[in-house]
Amino acid sequence: MILATNRPDRLDSAVVREGRIDRRIRVNRPDEQDAKEVFRIYLGKVPTCTDPEAMAEEASRHLFSDSSRLLQLTTAHGETFPFTLGNIGSGAMIAGIVDRATSLVMHGVIASGARSKEAMRLTFGHVQEAAGQVREAMRLVDHSDDIRSWAESRATKVVKVVAHSPQLAAAATSESLAGASS
């Protein structure tokens, strides 16, 4: 029997007590390079993806970029860090993004009535839109445990968490630009 969880702290102690589980293997979240490899595998299965390698590179970079930011974290030392989809990413999330992107292509083809190979081609824009949909869904999730794990991995303490939204980012950029021009 194999047990798998992304929340070992929530398992019943009777299930995990000594002698019940032979081995415990921790699988960390993929970093940007690992995410690229997972994207490459899933994109390679999409017949209308013309360059899975290049798209995987771009997609993994996007997952960890500011455009995929969920939160802004401030540590006890006053340093700020973006908390992105990449910080909560998994192979399942990446597979889901590729599936959503493929669905976007299909819906576009059906809506337009186009039948050309070009109309059916999976582009980075589809992957980006799919990741955006996942990001919006992840805004509704409590990331306390993910933030705690992030802080522990860096031997620091998070003292402030600010939700990131495109509207707030645009307002902050406008304010900083207005201040710079004064």
Protein backbone atom coordinates (compact mmCIF):
# COMPACT_ATOMS: atom_id res chain seq x y z
CA MET A 1 0.00 0.00 0.00
CA ILE A 2 1.20 3.52 -0.80
CA LEU A 3 0.05 6.59 1.09
CA ALA A 4 0.49 10.01 -0.47
CA THR A 5 -0.44 13.43 0.87
CA ASN A 6 0.52 17.03 0.54
CA ARG A 7 -0.72 17.61 4.09
CA PRO A 8 1.11 15.14 6.40
CA ASP A 9 0.16 17.29 9.41
CA ARG A 10 -3.51 16.42 8.82
CA LEU A 11 -3.12 12.61 8.83
CA ASP A 12 -4.67 10.66 11.67
CA SER A 13 -1.94 9.63 14.12
CA ALA A 14 -3.32 6.07 14.19
CA VAL A 15 -2.59 5.76 10.48
CA VAL A 16 0.99 7.01 10.66
CA ARG A 17 2.20 5.64 13.98
CA GLU A 18 5.43 3.64 14.12
CA GLY A 19 5.28 0.30 12.36
CA ARG A 20 2.44 1.20 10.02
CA ILE A 21 4.49 2.93 7.33
CA ASP A 22 7.73 1.32 6.11
CA ARG A 23 9.20 4.35 4.37
CA ARG A 24 8.51 8.06 4.27
CA ILE A 25 9.62 9.88 1.18
CA ARG A 26 9.33 13.65 0.98
CA VAL A 27 8.83 15.05 -2.49
CA ASN A 28 9.52 18.77 -2.64
CA ARG A 29 7.69 21.19 -4.87
CA PRO A 30 9.30 21.64 -8.28
CA ASP A 31 11.68 24.55 -8.69
CA GLU A 32 11.75 26.47 -11.97
CA GLN A 33 13.98 23.89 -13.68
CA ASP A 34 11.85 20.97 -12.47
CA ALA A 35 8.68 22.79 -13.56
CA LYS A 36 10.22 23.24 -17.01
CA GLU A 37 10.77 19.49 -17.26
CA VAL A 38 7.21 18.71 -16.12
CA PHE A 39 5.80 21.24 -18.60
CA ARG A 40 7.95 19.68 -21.36
CA ILE A 41 6.53 16.23 -20.61
CA TYR A 42 2.90 17.37 -20.66
CA LEU A 43 3.28 19.78 -23.58
CA GLY A 44 5.02 16.99 -25.52
CA LYS A 45 1.76 15.04 -25.40
CA VAL A 46 -0.19 17.89 -27.06
CA PRO A 47 -0.12 17.26 -30.83
CA THR A 48 -0.76 20.93 -31.65
CA CYS A 49 2.19 22.19 -29.57
CA THR A 50 4.88 22.79 -32.18
CA ASP A 51 7.83 23.41 -29.82
CA PRO A 52 7.30 21.81 -26.39
CA GLU A 53 10.87 22.58 -25.27
CA ALA A 54 10.65 26.34 -25.91
CA MET A 55 7.13 26.59 -24.55
CA ALA A 56 8.10 24.65 -21.41
CA GLU A 57 10.93 27.13 -20.80
CA GLU A 58 8.59 30.09 -21.18
CA ALA A 59 5.80 28.48 -19.14
CA SER A 60 8.03 27.59 -16.19
CA ARG A 61 9.49 31.10 -16.15
CA HIS A 62 5.93 32.49 -16.16
CA LEU A 63 4.90 30.28 -13.21
CA PHE A 64 7.61 31.86 -11.06
CA SER A 65 7.26 35.40 -12.45
CA ASP A 66 5.68 38.48 -10.94
CA SER A 67 2.70 38.05 -13.28
CA SER A 68 1.84 34.84 -11.38
CA ARG A 69 2.16 36.49 -7.97
CA LEU A 70 -0.45 35.66 -5.37
CA LEU A 71 0.94 37.40 -2.31
CA GLN A 72 3.70 39.73 -1.16
CA LEU A 73 5.55 38.42 1.91
CA THR A 74 7.58 40.54 4.31
CA THR A 75 10.07 38.84 6.66
CA ALA A 76 11.11 39.87 10.17
CA HIS A 77 14.24 41.36 8.56
CA GLY A 78 12.10 43.69 6.43
CA GLU A 79 12.80 41.88 3.16
CA THR A 80 9.89 41.43 0.75
CA PHE A 81 9.36 38.47 -1.52
CA PRO A 82 6.73 37.64 -4.12
CA PHE A 83 4.75 34.47 -3.42
CA THR A 84 3.84 33.08 -6.84
CA LEU A 85 2.12 30.08 -8.36
CA GLY A 86 5.62 28.59 -8.54
CA ASN A 87 5.78 28.55 -4.74
CA ILE A 88 2.72 26.30 -4.58
CA GLY A 89 3.26 24.49 -7.87
CA SER A 90 3.11 20.75 -8.35
CA GLY A 91 3.11 18.30 -11.20
CA ALA A 92 -0.67 18.10 -10.92
CA MET A 93 -1.00 21.89 -11.17
CA ILE A 94 1.21 21.95 -14.26
CA ALA A 95 -0.79 19.14 -15.85
CA GLY A 96 -3.94 21.11 -15.08
CA ILE A 97 -2.55 24.25 -16.70
CA VAL A 98 -1.68 22.31 -19.87
CA ASP A 99 -5.16 20.71 -19.89
CA ARG A 100 -6.81 24.12 -19.49
CA ALA A 101 -4.66 25.58 -22.25
CA THR A 102 -5.63 22.74 -24.56
CA SER A 103 -9.29 23.33 -23.72
CA LEU A 104 -8.89 27.02 -24.54
CA VAL A 105 -7.58 26.06 -27.97
CA MET A 106 -10.52 23.71 -28.56
CA HIS A 107 -13.10 26.26 -27.39
CA GLY A 108 -11.52 28.88 -29.64
CA VAL A 109 -11.64 26.60 -32.66
CA ILE A 110 -15.26 25.65 -31.99
CA ALA A 111 -16.30 29.28 -31.45
CA SER A 112 -14.56 30.52 -34.61
CA GLY A 113 -15.41 27.58 -36.83
CA ALA A 114 -11.81 27.62 -38.09
CA ARG A 115 -10.40 24.34 -39.31
CA SER A 116 -6.80 25.23 -40.12
CA LYS A 117 -3.84 23.70 -38.33
CA GLU A 118 -2.76 27.21 -37.32
CA ALA A 119 -6.08 27.82 -35.56
CA MET A 120 -5.56 24.61 -33.58
CA ARG A 121 -1.99 25.43 -32.54
CA LEU A 122 -1.34 25.69 -28.81
CA THR A 123 0.46 28.96 -28.08
CA PHE A 124 2.12 30.43 -25.03
CA GLY A 125 -0.85 32.82 -24.84
CA HIS A 126 -3.10 29.83 -24.16
CA VAL A 127 -0.75 28.57 -21.43
CA GLN A 128 -0.54 32.06 -19.94
CA GLU A 129 -4.34 32.42 -19.90
CA ALA A 130 -4.71 28.97 -18.32
CA ALA A 131 -2.14 29.84 -15.63
CA GLY A 132 -4.07 33.07 -15.00
CA GLN A 133 -7.24 31.06 -14.42
CA VAL A 134 -5.40 28.83 -11.95
CA ARG A 135 -3.96 31.91 -10.22
CA GLU A 136 -7.44 33.39 -9.81
CA ALA A 137 -8.69 30.10 -8.32
CA MET A 138 -5.69 29.98 -5.97
CA ARG A 139 -6.50 33.45 -4.64
CA LEU A 140 -9.42 31.84 -2.78
CA VAL A 141 -7.23 29.25 -1.04
CA ASP A 142 -5.66 29.66 2.40
CA HIS A 143 -1.89 29.45 1.86
CA SER A 144 -0.89 29.60 5.53
CA ASP A 145 0.80 26.20 5.50
CA ASP A 146 2.60 26.97 2.22
CA ILE A 147 3.84 30.28 3.64
CA ARG A 148 4.99 28.54 6.83
CA SER A 149 6.91 25.96 4.77
CA TRP A 150 8.40 28.73 2.61
CA ALA A 151 9.58 30.60 5.73
CA GLU A 152 10.98 27.44 7.35
CA SER A 153 12.95 26.59 4.21
CA ARG A 154 14.60 30.02 4.44
CA ALA A 155 15.00 30.00 8.24
CA THR A 156 13.01 33.20 8.56
CA LYS A 157 9.70 34.43 9.88
CA VAL A 158 7.00 36.08 7.77
CA VAL A 159 5.54 39.09 9.59
CA LYS A 160 3.31 40.53 6.88
CA VAL A 161 1.30 39.03 4.04
CA VAL A 162 -0.36 41.26 1.47
CA ALA A 163 -2.70 39.92 -1.21
CA HIS A 164 -1.47 40.83 -4.65
CA SER A 165 -3.87 41.91 -7.34
CA PRO A 166 -3.28 43.44 -10.75
CA GLN A 167 -5.30 46.49 -9.64
CA LEU A 168 -3.10 47.04 -6.56
CA ALA A 169 0.06 46.56 -8.63
CA ALA A 170 -1.16 49.07 -11.24
CA ALA A 171 -2.05 51.59 -8.52
CA ALA A 172 1.34 51.17 -6.83
CA THR A 173 3.10 51.61 -10.18
CA SER A 174 1.04 54.72 -10.93
CA GLU A 175 1.83 56.18 -7.50
CA SER A 176 5.56 55.50 -7.86
CA LEU A 177 5.56 57.00 -11.35
CA ALA A 178 3.66 60.08 -10.13
CA GLY A 179 6.13 60.47 -7.25
CA ALA A 180 9.09 60.12 -9.63
CA SER A 181 7.76 62.83 -11.95
CA SER A 182 7.15 65.36 -9.12
